[in-house]
C-alpha atoms as a PDB file:
ATOM      1  CA  UNK A   1       8.323  28.263  27.915  1.00  0.00           C
ATOM      2  CA  UNK A   2       9.054  25.406  30.393  1.00  0.00           C
ATOM      3  CA  UNK A   3      11.236  22.105  30.075  1.00  0.00           C
ATOM      4  CA  UNK A   4       9.437  19.296  28.480  1.00  0.00           C
ATOM      5  CA  UNK A   5       8.503  17.049  31.419  1.00  0.00           C
ATOM      6  CA  UNK A   6      10.756  13.839  30.335  1.00  0.00           C
ATOM      7  CA  UNK A   7      13.573  15.290  28.184  1.00  0.00           C
ATOM      8  CA  UNK A   8      14.713  18.016  29.949  1.00  0.00           C
ATOM      9  CA  UNK A   9      17.205  19.326  27.325  1.00  0.00           C
ATOM     10  CA  UNK A  10      14.183  20.273  25.152  1.00  0.00           C
ATOM     11  CA  UNK A  11      11.653  23.001  25.908  1.00  0.00           C
ATOM     12  CA  UNK A  12       8.121  22.023  26.181  1.00  0.00           C
ATOM     13  CA  UNK A  13       5.358  22.719  23.635  1.00  0.00           C
ATOM     14  CA  UNK A  14       7.460  20.823  20.656  1.00  0.00           C
ATOM     15  CA  UNK A  15       4.501  18.474  20.226  1.00  0.00           C
ATOM     16  CA  UNK A  16       1.201  19.631  19.301  1.00  0.00           C
ATOM     17  CA  UNK A  17      -1.828  18.548  21.314  1.00  0.00           C
ATOM     18  CA  UNK A  18      -3.460  16.847  18.704  1.00  0.00           C
ATOM     19  CA  UNK A  19      -1.876  13.496  19.798  1.00  0.00           C
ATOM     20  CA  UNK A  20      -4.520  13.598  22.953  1.00  0.00           C
ATOM     21  CA  UNK A  21      -7.602  13.376  20.386  1.00  0.00           C
ATOM     22  CA  UNK A  22      -6.591  10.405  18.383  1.00  0.00           C
ATOM     23  CA  UNK A  23      -8.244   7.291  18.816  1.00  0.00           C
ATOM     24  CA  UNK A  24      -6.478   4.119  19.487  1.00  0.00           C
ATOM     25  CA  UNK A  25      -7.750   0.668  18.001  1.00  0.00           C
ATOM     26  CA  UNK A  26      -6.117  -2.702  19.046  1.00  0.00           C
ATOM     27  CA  UNK A  27      -5.740  -5.522  16.560  1.00  0.00           C
ATOM     28  CA  UNK A  28      -3.477  -7.769  18.553  1.00  0.00           C
ATOM     29  CA  UNK A  29      -6.258 -10.678  18.272  1.00  0.00           C
ATOM     30  CA  UNK A  30      -7.337 -10.351  14.687  1.00  0.00           C
ATOM     31  CA  UNK A  31      -3.692  -9.409  12.975  1.00  0.00           C
ATOM     32  CA  UNK A  32      -1.721 -11.359  15.487  1.00  0.00           C
ATOM     33  CA  UNK A  33      -4.049 -14.192  14.256  1.00  0.00           C
ATOM     34  CA  UNK A  34      -2.159 -14.045  10.966  1.00  0.00           C
ATOM     35  CA  UNK A  35       0.851 -15.465  13.019  1.00  0.00           C
ATOM     36  CA  UNK A  36      -0.712 -18.357  14.774  1.00  0.00           C
ATOM     37  CA  UNK A  37      -3.891 -18.926  12.420  1.00  0.00           C
ATOM     38  CA  UNK A  38      -6.023 -17.268  15.138  1.00  0.00           C
ATOM     39  CA  UNK A  39      -5.760 -20.405  17.396  1.00  0.00           C
ATOM     40  CA  UNK A  40      -5.678 -17.988  20.655  1.00  0.00           C
ATOM     41  CA  UNK A  41      -6.668 -19.652  23.771  1.00  0.00           C
ATOM     42  CA  UNK A  42     -10.019 -17.896  25.129  1.00  0.00           C
ATOM     43  CA  UNK A  43      -8.188 -16.933  28.196  1.00  0.00           C
ATOM     44  CA  UNK A  44      -5.522 -14.993  26.610  1.00  0.00           C
ATOM     45  CA  UNK A  45      -8.534 -12.958  24.760  1.00  0.00           C
ATOM     46  CA  UNK A  46     -10.091 -12.446  27.714  1.00  0.00           C
ATOM     47  CA  UNK A  47      -7.335 -10.906  29.490  1.00  0.00           C
ATOM     48  CA  UNK A  48      -6.219  -8.971  26.465  1.00  0.00           C
ATOM     49  CA  UNK A  49      -9.742  -7.686  26.580  1.00  0.00           C
ATOM     50  CA  UNK A  50      -9.692  -6.754  30.137  1.00  0.00           C
ATOM     51  CA  UNK A  51      -6.149  -5.114  29.984  1.00  0.00           C
ATOM     52  CA  UNK A  52      -7.243  -2.852  26.621  1.00  0.00           C
ATOM     53  CA  UNK A  53     -10.309  -1.690  28.581  1.00  0.00           C
ATOM     54  CA  UNK A  54      -8.209  -1.069  31.831  1.00  0.00           C
ATOM     55  CA  UNK A  55      -5.644   1.126  29.728  1.00  0.00           C
ATOM     56  CA  UNK A  56      -8.505   3.286  28.085  1.00  0.00           C
ATOM     57  CA  UNK A  57      -7.923   1.603  24.366  1.00  0.00           C
ATOM     58  CA  UNK A  58     -10.632   2.968  22.350  1.00  0.00           C
ATOM     59  CA  UNK A  59     -11.441  -0.193  20.212  1.00  0.00           C
ATOM     60  CA  UNK A  60     -10.145  -3.878  20.168  1.00  0.00           C
ATOM     61  CA  UNK A  61     -10.569  -5.688  16.943  1.00  0.00           C
ATOM     62  CA  UNK A  62     -11.161  -9.253  18.211  1.00  0.00           C
ATOM     63  CA  UNK A  63     -10.865 -11.174  15.159  1.00  0.00           C
ATOM     64  CA  UNK A  64     -12.291 -11.722  11.596  1.00  0.00           C
ATOM     65  CA  UNK A  65     -15.567 -12.514  10.618  1.00  0.00           C
ATOM     66  CA  UNK A  66     -15.672 -15.342   7.749  1.00  0.00           C
ATOM     67  CA  UNK A  67     -18.508 -17.008   5.578  1.00  0.00           C
ATOM     68  CA  UNK A  68     -18.795 -21.014   6.318  1.00  0.00           C
ATOM     69  CA  UNK A  69     -17.066 -22.932   3.878  1.00  0.00           C
ATOM     70  CA  UNK A  70     -14.125 -20.586   3.217  1.00  0.00           C
ATOM     71  CA  UNK A  71     -11.671 -22.428   4.795  1.00  0.00           C
ATOM     72  CA  UNK A  72     -11.268 -26.508   5.489  1.00  0.00           C
ATOM     73  CA  UNK A  73     -12.645 -27.201   8.946  1.00  0.00           C
ATOM     74  CA  UNK A  74      -9.681 -27.233  11.653  1.00  0.00           C
ATOM     75  CA  UNK A  75      -7.615 -24.960   9.166  1.00  0.00           C
ATOM     76  CA  UNK A  76      -7.808 -21.704  11.341  1.00  0.00           C
ATOM     77  CA  UNK A  77      -8.716 -21.130  14.677  1.00  0.00           C
ATOM     78  CA  UNK A  78     -11.990 -19.509  15.955  1.00  0.00           C
ATOM     79  CA  UNK A  79     -10.940 -15.983  15.945  1.00  0.00           C
ATOM     80  CA  UNK A  80     -11.109 -16.140  12.176  1.00  0.00           C
ATOM     81  CA  UNK A  81     -14.805 -16.277  12.721  1.00  0.00           C
ATOM     82  CA  UNK A  82     -15.628 -14.905  15.856  1.00  0.00           C
ATOM     83  CA  UNK A  83     -18.916 -16.546  16.777  1.00  0.00           C
ATOM     84  CA  UNK A  84     -21.073 -14.349  18.827  1.00  0.00           C
ATOM     85  CA  UNK A  85     -20.976 -17.091  21.962  1.00  0.00           C
ATOM     86  CA  UNK A  86     -17.409 -17.299  21.756  1.00  0.00           C
ATOM     87  CA  UNK A  87     -17.249 -13.440  22.223  1.00  0.00           C
ATOM     88  CA  UNK A  88     -19.505 -13.446  24.910  1.00  0.00           C
ATOM     89  CA  UNK A  89     -17.101 -15.886  26.813  1.00  0.00           C
ATOM     90  CA  UNK A  90     -14.194 -13.380  26.504  1.00  0.00           C
ATOM     91  CA  UNK A  91     -15.765  -9.905  26.653  1.00  0.00           C
ATOM     92  CA  UNK A  92     -18.389  -7.757  28.436  1.00  0.00           C
ATOM     93  CA  UNK A  93     -20.561  -4.943  27.065  1.00  0.00           C
ATOM     94  CA  UNK A  94     -19.702  -1.440  27.410  1.00  0.00           C
ATOM     95  CA  UNK A  95     -16.257  -1.585  28.809  1.00  0.00           C
ATOM     96  CA  UNK A  96     -14.644  -1.167  25.253  1.00  0.00           C
ATOM     97  CA  UNK A  97     -16.043  -0.781  21.449  1.00  0.00           C
ATOM     98  CA  UNK A  98     -15.250  -4.095  19.799  1.00  0.00           C
ATOM     99  CA  UNK A  99     -14.671  -4.508  15.858  1.00  0.00           C
ATOM    100  CA  UNK A 100     -14.480  -7.583  13.797  1.00  0.00           C
ATOM    101  CA  UNK A 101     -12.698  -7.281  10.222  1.00  0.00           C
ATOM    102  CA  UNK A 102     -14.128  -9.016   6.913  1.00  0.00           C
ATOM    103  CA  UNK A 103     -11.837  -9.829   3.779  1.00  0.00           C
ATOM    104  CA  UNK A 104     -13.457  -8.720   0.835  1.00  0.00           C
ATOM    105  CA  UNK A 105     -14.818 -11.998  -1.102  1.00  0.00           C
ATOM    106  CA  UNK A 106     -14.726 -13.867   2.118  1.00  0.00           C
ATOM    107  CA  UNK A 107     -17.903 -12.958   3.650  1.00  0.00           C
ATOM    108  CA  UNK A 108     -21.426 -12.673   2.733  1.00  0.00           C
ATOM    109  CA  UNK A 109     -23.506 -10.155   4.701  1.00  0.00           C
ATOM    110  CA  UNK A 110     -26.114 -12.552   5.096  1.00  0.00           C
ATOM    111  CA  UNK A 111     -24.287 -13.886   8.202  1.00  0.00           C
ATOM    112  CA  UNK A 112     -23.859 -10.561   9.693  1.00  0.00           C
ATOM    113  CA  UNK A 113     -25.946 -10.137  12.701  1.00  0.00           C
ATOM    114  CA  UNK A 114     -28.113  -6.876  13.558  1.00  0.00           C
ATOM    115  CA  UNK A 115     -25.601  -4.822  15.780  1.00  0.00           C
ATOM    116  CA  UNK A 116     -28.417  -4.896  18.440  1.00  0.00           C
ATOM    117  CA  UNK A 117     -27.769  -8.559  18.662  1.00  0.00           C
ATOM    118  CA  UNK A 118     -24.077  -8.458  19.148  1.00  0.00           C
ATOM    119  CA  UNK A 119     -21.436  -7.076  21.313  1.00  0.00           C
ATOM    120  CA  UNK A 120     -19.789  -6.201  17.895  1.00  0.00           C
ATOM    121  CA  UNK A 121     -20.232  -2.553  17.291  1.00  0.00           C
ATOM    122  CA  UNK A 122     -17.952  -1.664  14.056  1.00  0.00           C
ATOM    123  CA  UNK A 123     -17.133  -3.613  11.276  1.00  0.00           C
ATOM    124  CA  UNK A 124     -13.833  -2.966   9.405  1.00  0.00           C
ATOM    125  CA  UNK A 125     -13.483  -4.141   5.665  1.00  0.00           C
ATOM    126  CA  UNK A 126     -10.440  -4.806   3.918  1.00  0.00           C
ATOM    127  CA  UNK A 127     -10.403  -4.639   0.378  1.00  0.00           C
ATOM    128  CA  UNK A 128      -8.005  -3.517  -2.270  1.00  0.00           C
ATOM    129  CA  UNK A 129      -8.652  -0.278  -4.591  1.00  0.00           C
ATOM    130  CA  UNK A 130      -9.974  -2.429  -7.615  1.00  0.00           C
ATOM    131  CA  UNK A 131     -12.766  -3.687  -5.346  1.00  0.00           C
ATOM    132  CA  UNK A 132     -14.044  -0.351  -3.748  1.00  0.00           C
ATOM    133  CA  UNK A 133     -17.410  -0.521  -5.311  1.00  0.00           C
ATOM    134  CA  UNK A 134     -18.485  -4.008  -3.805  1.00  0.00           C
ATOM    135  CA  UNK A 135     -16.595  -2.810  -0.583  1.00  0.00           C
ATOM    136  CA  UNK A 136     -18.648   0.359  -0.064  1.00  0.00           C
ATOM    137  CA  UNK A 137     -21.848  -1.952  -0.751  1.00  0.00           C
ATOM    138  CA  UNK A 138     -21.069  -4.302   2.156  1.00  0.00           C
ATOM    139  CA  UNK A 139     -20.015  -1.659   4.314  1.00  0.00           C
ATOM    140  CA  UNK A 140     -23.176   0.441   3.650  1.00  0.00           C
ATOM    141  CA  UNK A 141     -25.025  -2.984   4.148  1.00  0.00           C
ATOM    142  CA  UNK A 142     -23.515  -3.192   7.514  1.00  0.00           C
ATOM    143  CA  UNK A 143     -24.143   0.275   8.408  1.00  0.00           C
ATOM    144  CA  UNK A 144     -27.982  -0.661   7.597  1.00  0.00           C
ATOM    145  CA  UNK A 145     -27.607  -3.313  10.241  1.00  0.00           C
ATOM    146  CA  UNK A 146     -26.765  -0.726  12.984  1.00  0.00           C
ATOM    147  CA  UNK A 147     -22.562  -0.623  13.000  1.00  0.00           C
ATOM    148  CA  UNK A 148     -19.976   2.017  12.342  1.00  0.00           C
ATOM    149  CA  UNK A 149     -18.088   1.005   9.316  1.00  0.00           C
ATOM    150  CA  UNK A 150     -14.461   1.236   8.506  1.00  0.00           C
ATOM    151  CA  UNK A 151     -12.911   0.744   5.183  1.00  0.00           C
ATOM    152  CA  UNK A 152      -9.138  -0.674   4.925  1.00  0.00           C
ATOM    153  CA  UNK A 153      -7.892   0.070   1.286  1.00  0.00           C
ATOM    154  CA  UNK A 154      -4.979  -2.487   1.709  1.00  0.00           C
ATOM    155  CA  UNK A 155      -1.638  -2.254  -0.103  1.00  0.00           C
ATOM    156  CA  UNK A 156      -2.038   1.593  -0.837  1.00  0.00           C
ATOM    157  CA  UNK A 157       1.959   1.861  -1.506  1.00  0.00           C
ATOM    158  CA  UNK A 158       1.114  -0.114  -4.846  1.00  0.00           C
ATOM    159  CA  UNK A 159      -1.353   1.913  -6.082  1.00  0.00           C
ATOM    160  CA  UNK A 160      -0.934   4.859  -8.666  1.00  0.00           C
ATOM    161  CA  UNK A 161      -2.031   8.564  -7.471  1.00  0.00           C
ATOM    162  CA  UNK A 162      -4.861   8.320 -10.009  1.00  0.00           C
ATOM    163  CA  UNK A 163      -6.194   4.748  -8.676  1.00  0.00           C
ATOM    164  CA  UNK A 164      -5.730   6.482  -4.927  1.00  0.00           C
ATOM    165  CA  UNK A 165      -7.917   9.444  -6.371  1.00  0.00           C
ATOM    166  CA  UNK A 166     -10.185   6.926  -7.765  1.00  0.00           C
ATOM    167  CA  UNK A 167     -10.884   5.128  -4.699  1.00  0.00           C
ATOM    168  CA  UNK A 168     -11.096   8.294  -2.353  1.00  0.00           C
ATOM    169  CA  UNK A 169     -13.788   9.631  -4.533  1.00  0.00           C
ATOM    170  CA  UNK A 170     -15.780   6.548  -4.582  1.00  0.00           C
ATOM    171  CA  UNK A 171     -15.501   6.808  -0.445  1.00  0.00           C
ATOM    172  CA  UNK A 172     -16.080  10.631  -0.523  1.00  0.00           C
ATOM    173  CA  UNK A 173     -19.486   9.829  -2.102  1.00  0.00           C
ATOM    174  CA  UNK A 174     -20.234   6.919   0.095  1.00  0.00           C
ATOM    175  CA  UNK A 175     -21.646   7.041   3.800  1.00  0.00           C
ATOM    176  CA  UNK A 176     -18.822   5.053   5.236  1.00  0.00           C
ATOM    177  CA  UNK A 177     -17.315   6.817   8.035  1.00  0.00           C
ATOM    178  CA  UNK A 178     -13.954   6.075   8.660  1.00  0.00           C
ATOM    179  CA  UNK A 179     -11.294   5.317   6.069  1.00  0.00           C
ATOM    180  CA  UNK A 180      -7.750   4.066   6.858  1.00  0.00           C
ATOM    181  CA  UNK A 181      -4.213   4.364   5.234  1.00  0.00           C
ATOM    182  CA  UNK A 182      -2.993   0.750   4.790  1.00  0.00           C
ATOM    183  CA  UNK A 183       0.876   0.047   4.684  1.00  0.00           C
ATOM    184  CA  UNK A 184       0.456  -3.626   3.992  1.00  0.00           C
ATOM    185  CA  UNK A 185       3.769  -4.438   2.788  1.00  0.00           C
ATOM    186  CA  UNK A 186       5.594  -2.266   5.477  1.00  0.00           C
ATOM    187  CA  UNK A 187       7.091  -0.069   2.509  1.00  0.00           C
ATOM    188  CA  UNK A 188       6.314   3.220   3.385  1.00  0.00           C
ATOM    189  CA  UNK A 189       8.589   6.059   5.446  1.00  0.00           C
ATOM    190  CA  UNK A 190       7.268   9.267   7.268  1.00  0.00           C
ATOM    191  CA  UNK A 191       7.225  11.495   4.342  1.00  0.00           C
ATOM    192  CA  UNK A 192       5.040   9.168   2.365  1.00  0.00           C
ATOM    193  CA  UNK A 193       2.603   9.363   5.510  1.00  0.00           C
ATOM    194  CA  UNK A 194       2.533  12.875   5.638  1.00  0.00           C
ATOM    195  CA  UNK A 195       1.599  13.277   1.910  1.00  0.00           C
ATOM    196  CA  UNK A 196      -0.767  10.412   2.340  1.00  0.00           C
ATOM    197  CA  UNK A 197      -2.653  11.697   5.329  1.00  0.00           C
ATOM    198  CA  UNK A 198      -3.060  15.118   3.727  1.00  0.00           C
ATOM    199  CA  UNK A 199      -4.471  13.674   0.554  1.00  0.00           C
ATOM    200  CA  UNK A 200      -7.045  11.416   2.223  1.00  0.00           C
ATOM    201  CA  UNK A 201      -8.058  14.483   4.739  1.00  0.00           C
ATOM    202  CA  UNK A 202      -8.487  16.674   1.610  1.00  0.00           C
ATOM    203  CA  UNK A 203     -10.100  14.344  -0.592  1.00  0.00           C
ATOM    204  CA  UNK A 204     -12.501  12.789   1.781  1.00  0.00           C
ATOM    205  CA  UNK A 205     -15.494  15.060   3.501  1.00  0.00           C
ATOM    206  CA  UNK A 206     -14.746  16.693   6.978  1.00  0.00           C
ATOM    207  CA  UNK A 207     -17.275  14.176   8.472  1.00  0.00           C
ATOM    208  CA  UNK A 208     -15.078  11.472   7.259  1.00  0.00           C
ATOM    209  CA  UNK A 209     -12.307  10.076   9.850  1.00  0.00           C
ATOM    210  CA  UNK A 210      -8.885   8.714   8.517  1.00  0.00           C
ATOM    211  CA  UNK A 211      -6.945   6.270   9.978  1.00  0.00           C
ATOM    212  CA  UNK A 212      -3.763   4.510   9.579  1.00  0.00           C
ATOM    213  CA  UNK A 213      -2.488   0.545   9.923  1.00  0.00           C
ATOM    214  CA  UNK A 214       1.033   0.275   9.439  1.00  0.00           C
ATOM    215  CA  UNK A 215       3.389  -2.962   9.265  1.00  0.00           C
ATOM    216  CA  UNK A 216       6.892  -3.060  10.433  1.00  0.00           C
ATOM    217  CA  UNK A 217       9.181  -4.418   8.056  1.00  0.00           C
ATOM    218  CA  UNK A 218      11.699  -1.770   8.270  1.00  0.00           C
ATOM    219  CA  UNK A 219      11.175  -0.870  11.725  1.00  0.00           C
ATOM    220  CA  UNK A 220       9.006   2.256  10.602  1.00  0.00           C
ATOM    221  CA  UNK A 221       5.609   1.533  11.728  1.00  0.00           C
ATOM    222  CA  UNK A 222       5.678   3.521  15.118  1.00  0.00           C
ATOM    223  CA  UNK A 223       7.520   6.497  13.204  1.00  0.00           C
ATOM    224  CA  UNK A 224       5.093   6.267  10.602  1.00  0.00           C
ATOM    225  CA  UNK A 225       2.262   6.626  13.226  1.00  0.00           C
ATOM    226  CA  UNK A 226       3.775   9.511  14.971  1.00  0.00           C
ATOM    227  CA  UNK A 227       3.962  11.235  11.515  1.00  0.00           C
ATOM    228  CA  UNK A 228       0.277  10.293  10.885  1.00  0.00           C
ATOM    229  CA  UNK A 229      -0.744  11.855  14.327  1.00  0.00           C
ATOM    230  CA  UNK A 230       1.120  15.084  13.361  1.00  0.00           C
ATOM    231  CA  UNK A 231      -0.883  15.236  10.188  1.00  0.00           C
ATOM    232  CA  UNK A 232      -4.133  14.917  12.004  1.00  0.00           C
ATOM    233  CA  UNK A 233      -4.852  11.237  12.172  1.00  0.00           C
ATOM    234  CA  UNK A 234      -8.148  10.470  13.684  1.00  0.00           C
ATOM    235  CA  UNK A 235      -7.471   6.940  14.674  1.00  0.00           C
ATOM    236  CA  UNK A 236      -4.637   4.706  14.967  1.00  0.00           C
ATOM    237  CA  UNK A 237      -3.929   0.952  14.823  1.00  0.00           C
ATOM    238  CA  UNK A 238      -1.548  -0.886  17.130  1.00  0.00           C
ATOM    239  CA  UNK A 239      -0.934  -4.268  18.846  1.00  0.00           C
ATOM    240  CA  UNK A 240       0.763  -5.523  22.129  1.00  0.00           C
ATOM    241  CA  UNK A 241       4.448  -6.141  21.381  1.00  0.00           C
ATOM    242  CA  UNK A 242       3.847  -5.073  17.964  1.00  0.00           C
ATOM    243  CA  UNK A 243       2.314  -8.892  17.017  1.00  0.00           C
ATOM    244  CA  UNK A 244       1.093  -8.900  13.713  1.00  0.00           C
ATOM    245  CA  UNK A 245       1.825 -10.369  10.201  1.00  0.00           C
ATOM    246  CA  UNK A 246       5.068 -10.960   9.208  1.00  0.00           C
ATOM    247  CA  UNK A 247       7.277  -7.840  10.971  1.00  0.00           C
ATOM    248  CA  UNK A 248       4.065  -6.805  13.109  1.00  0.00           C
ATOM    249  CA  UNK A 249       2.610  -3.454  13.600  1.00  0.00           C
ATOM    250  CA  UNK A 250       3.328  -0.488  15.589  1.00  0.00           C
ATOM    251  CA  UNK A 251       3.464  -1.557  19.392  1.00  0.00           C
ATOM    252  CA  UNK A 252       0.902  -0.401  21.509  1.00  0.00           C
ATOM    253  CA  UNK A 253       2.739   0.055  24.729  1.00  0.00           C
ATOM    254  CA  UNK A 254       5.274   2.627  22.595  1.00  0.00           C
ATOM    255  CA  UNK A 255       1.920   4.162  21.228  1.00  0.00           C
ATOM    256  CA  UNK A 256       0.282   4.769  24.614  1.00  0.00           C
ATOM    257  CA  UNK A 257       3.653   6.109  26.343  1.00  0.00           C
ATOM    258  CA  UNK A 258       3.962   8.455  23.180  1.00  0.00           C
ATOM    259  CA  UNK A 259       0.274   9.887  23.481  1.00  0.00           C
ATOM    260  CA  UNK A 260       1.040  10.701  26.770  1.00  0.00           C
ATOM    261  CA  UNK A 261      -3.036  10.995  27.131  1.00  0.00           C
ATOM    262  CA  UNK A 262      -4.575  11.059  30.783  1.00  0.00           C
ATOM    263  CA  UNK A 263      -7.432   8.838  29.516  1.00  0.00           C
ATOM    264  CA  UNK A 264      -4.629   5.952  28.586  1.00  0.00           C
ATOM    265  CA  UNK A 265      -2.891   4.071  31.080  1.00  0.00           C
ATOM    266  CA  UNK A 266       0.242   1.605  30.015  1.00  0.00           C
ATOM    267  CA  UNK A 267       0.221  -0.371  33.248  1.00  0.00           C
ATOM    268  CA  UNK A 268      -2.431  -2.768  32.465  1.00  0.00           C
ATOM    269  CA  UNK A 269      -0.601  -3.632  29.219  1.00  0.00           C
ATOM    270  CA  UNK A 270       2.570  -4.444  30.949  1.00  0.00           C
ATOM    271  CA  UNK A 271       1.523  -7.812  32.477  1.00  0.00           C
ATOM    272  CA  UNK A 272       0.397  -9.200  29.265  1.00  0.00           C
ATOM    273  CA  UNK A 273       3.745  -8.505  27.191  1.00  0.00           C
ATOM    274  CA  UNK A 274       5.608 -11.349  28.884  1.00  0.00           C
ATOM    275  CA  UNK A 275       3.073 -13.649  27.300  1.00  0.00           C
ATOM    276  CA  UNK A 276       3.039 -12.311  24.023  1.00  0.00           C
ATOM    277  CA  UNK A 277       6.995 -12.320  24.220  1.00  0.00           C
ATOM    278  CA  UNK A 278       6.737 -16.347  24.732  1.00  0.00           C
ATOM    279  CA  UNK A 279       4.413 -16.245  21.354  1.00  0.00           C
ATOM    280  CA  UNK A 280       7.078 -13.956  19.628  1.00  0.00           C
ATOM    281  CA  UNK A 281       9.847 -16.299  20.108  1.00  0.00           C
ATOM    282  CA  UNK A 282       7.925 -19.130  18.518  1.00  0.00           C
ATOM    283  CA  UNK A 283       6.316 -17.481  15.919  1.00  0.00           C
ATOM    284  CA  UNK A 284       8.937 -15.218  14.783  1.00  0.00           C
ATOM    285  CA  UNK A 285       6.996 -11.953  14.251  1.00  0.00           C
ATOM    286  CA  UNK A 286       9.315  -8.532  14.769  1.00  0.00           C
ATOM    287  CA  UNK A 287      11.810  -7.126  12.763  1.00  0.00           C
ATOM    288  CA  UNK A 288      13.889  -9.479  10.801  1.00  0.00           C
ATOM    289  CA  UNK A 289      16.212  -8.869   7.620  1.00  0.00           C
ATOM    290  CA  UNK A 290      13.739 -10.689   5.181  1.00  0.00           C
ATOM    291  CA  UNK A 291      10.981  -8.577   6.298  1.00  0.00           C
ATOM    292  CA  UNK A 292      12.880  -5.510   5.842  1.00  0.00           C
ATOM    293  CA  UNK A 293      13.990  -6.649   2.220  1.00  0.00           C
ATOM    294  CA  UNK A 294      10.392  -7.605   1.144  1.00  0.00           C
ATOM    295  CA  UNK A 295       9.166  -4.332   2.384  1.00  0.00           C
ATOM    296  CA  UNK A 296      12.018  -2.031   0.829  1.00  0.00           C
ATOM    297  CA  UNK A 297      10.954  -3.764  -2.637  1.00  0.00           C
ATOM    298  CA  UNK A 298       7.602  -2.869  -1.508  1.00  0.00           C
ATOM    299  CA  UNK A 299       6.212  -6.687  -2.246  1.00  0.00           C
ATOM    300  CA  UNK A 300       4.241  -9.095  -0.216  1.00  0.00           C
ATOM    301  CA  UNK A 301       5.971 -10.563   2.974  1.00  0.00           C
ATOM    302  CA  UNK A 302       4.824 -13.902   2.175  1.00  0.00           C
ATOM    303  CA  UNK A 303       8.120 -15.313   0.866  1.00  0.00           C
ATOM    304  CA  UNK A 304      10.136 -13.515   4.068  1.00  0.00           C
ATOM    305  CA  UNK A 305       7.348 -15.127   6.233  1.00  0.00           C
ATOM    306  CA  UNK A 306       8.195 -18.713   4.897  1.00  0.00           C
ATOM    307  CA  UNK A 307      12.010 -17.867   5.088  1.00  0.00           C
ATOM    308  CA  UNK A 308      11.304 -16.995   8.865  1.00  0.00           C
ATOM    309  CA  UNK A 309       9.262 -20.083   9.660  1.00  0.00           C
ATOM    310  CA  UNK A 310      10.964 -22.780   7.634  1.00  0.00           C
ATOM    311  CA  UNK A 311      13.511 -25.286   9.853  1.00  0.00           C
ATOM    312  CA  UNK A 312      15.927 -24.687   7.125  1.00  0.00           C
ATOM    313  CA  UNK A 313      18.408 -21.998   7.437  1.00  0.00           C
ATOM    314  CA  UNK A 314      18.639 -19.527   4.758  1.00  0.00           C
ATOM    315  CA  UNK A 315      21.465 -17.382   3.211  1.00  0.00           C
ATOM    316  CA  UNK A 316      20.323 -13.621   3.465  1.00  0.00           C
ATOM    317  CA  UNK A 317      22.332 -12.647   0.363  1.00  0.00           C
ATOM    318  CA  UNK A 318      20.724 -15.359  -1.723  1.00  0.00           C
ATOM    319  CA  UNK A 319      17.325 -14.053  -0.511  1.00  0.00           C
ATOM    320  CA  UNK A 320      17.922 -10.758  -1.472  1.00  0.00           C
ATOM    321  CA  UNK A 321      19.285 -11.420  -4.968  1.00  0.00           C
ATOM    322  CA  UNK A 322      16.256 -13.631  -5.485  1.00  0.00           C
ATOM    323  CA  UNK A 323      13.912 -11.046  -5.012  1.00  0.00           C
ATOM    324  CA  UNK A 324      15.562  -8.505  -6.635  1.00  0.00           C
ATOM    325  CA  UNK A 325      15.751 -10.674  -9.794  1.00  0.00           C
ATOM    326  CA  UNK A 326      11.978 -11.531  -9.694  1.00  0.00           C
ATOM    327  CA  UNK A 327      10.918  -8.270  -8.901  1.00  0.00           C
ATOM    328  CA  UNK A 328      13.434  -5.896 -10.806  1.00  0.00           C
ATOM    329  CA  UNK A 329      13.203  -2.581  -8.581  1.00  0.00           C
ATOM    330  CA  UNK A 330      13.081   0.516 -10.303  1.00  0.00           C
ATOM    331  CA  UNK A 331      16.001   2.894  -9.663  1.00  0.00           C
ATOM    332  CA  UNK A 332      15.899   6.490  -8.442  1.00  0.00           C
ATOM    333  CA  UNK A 333      14.266   8.944 -11.336  1.00  0.00           C
ATOM    334  CA  UNK A 334      17.506  11.106 -10.746  1.00  0.00           C
ATOM    335  CA  UNK A 335      20.869   9.887 -12.371  1.00  0.00           C
ATOM    336  CA  UNK A 336      23.470   9.013 -10.081  1.00  0.00           C
ATOM    337  CA  UNK A 337      26.094  11.677  -9.140  1.00  0.00           C
ATOM    338  CA  UNK A 338      29.545  10.521 -10.276  1.00  0.00           C
END
């Protein structure tokens, strides 16, 4: 056995080559839009599209599709709607697969164009486990229009094992091709991910693919993604510089370097990073202690986002005590050792 080509103190072969098979989905504009209300300049979206294509990323999720009237005029930017004419300004056909996300309850299928009339070829749907029957109905409707479909069951960290069993069984019986483990609150660690990837893959049919979407509240999104890949995840989400709601997501540039796949090249991503770094300074995503606290408590990061965006200073201990008082976390089931 030879030496690792990067880290000479270790032998080669410590990682399996299954990481070479995983598909990479970038959701910078879609999830990153949570930070700026989806008000990205078309020029930045076009440059991101070209960089992702040059880097060999498999899918670019370019934003949401949303029914008219859900938001007030001017309340959100154009990448919350992804009109076909706008997409055609920034993207080209056959360079990279394009996806959009639907929020369950915020999109009527009657507004979805047939896939043959769109540059979009993938529809992802974000829904909670309790809404799985309605979510499957929408996704199977999108399939009938020619799309590949993904189901993102959100906030799985708040579900009981029985609730997970229920939505996985419904998905197993459906024609949905792809299902993602989604850590919406950034609450989970690698041991949770290893368990859930095994569970999803064992419960779903062999022809259904399992992927992941992680948030970085506790700086675990990259480590959790590695654990998912080790357990055989078929696709993984990432964003440039980790841009995303609250603490953000798994950083795309780190993921591409880790995958060490000859089909990927981090080089085209690097010039983008300074531009997204400027956005990070003003929009305040990335790891910050309020996000860590909300992640550890397994609660929605809205209060942490409000703290980070407020011009008023906050006192971290007071914020911690406030969340502890509201959410009353359960302690470990084992008694403390004296």
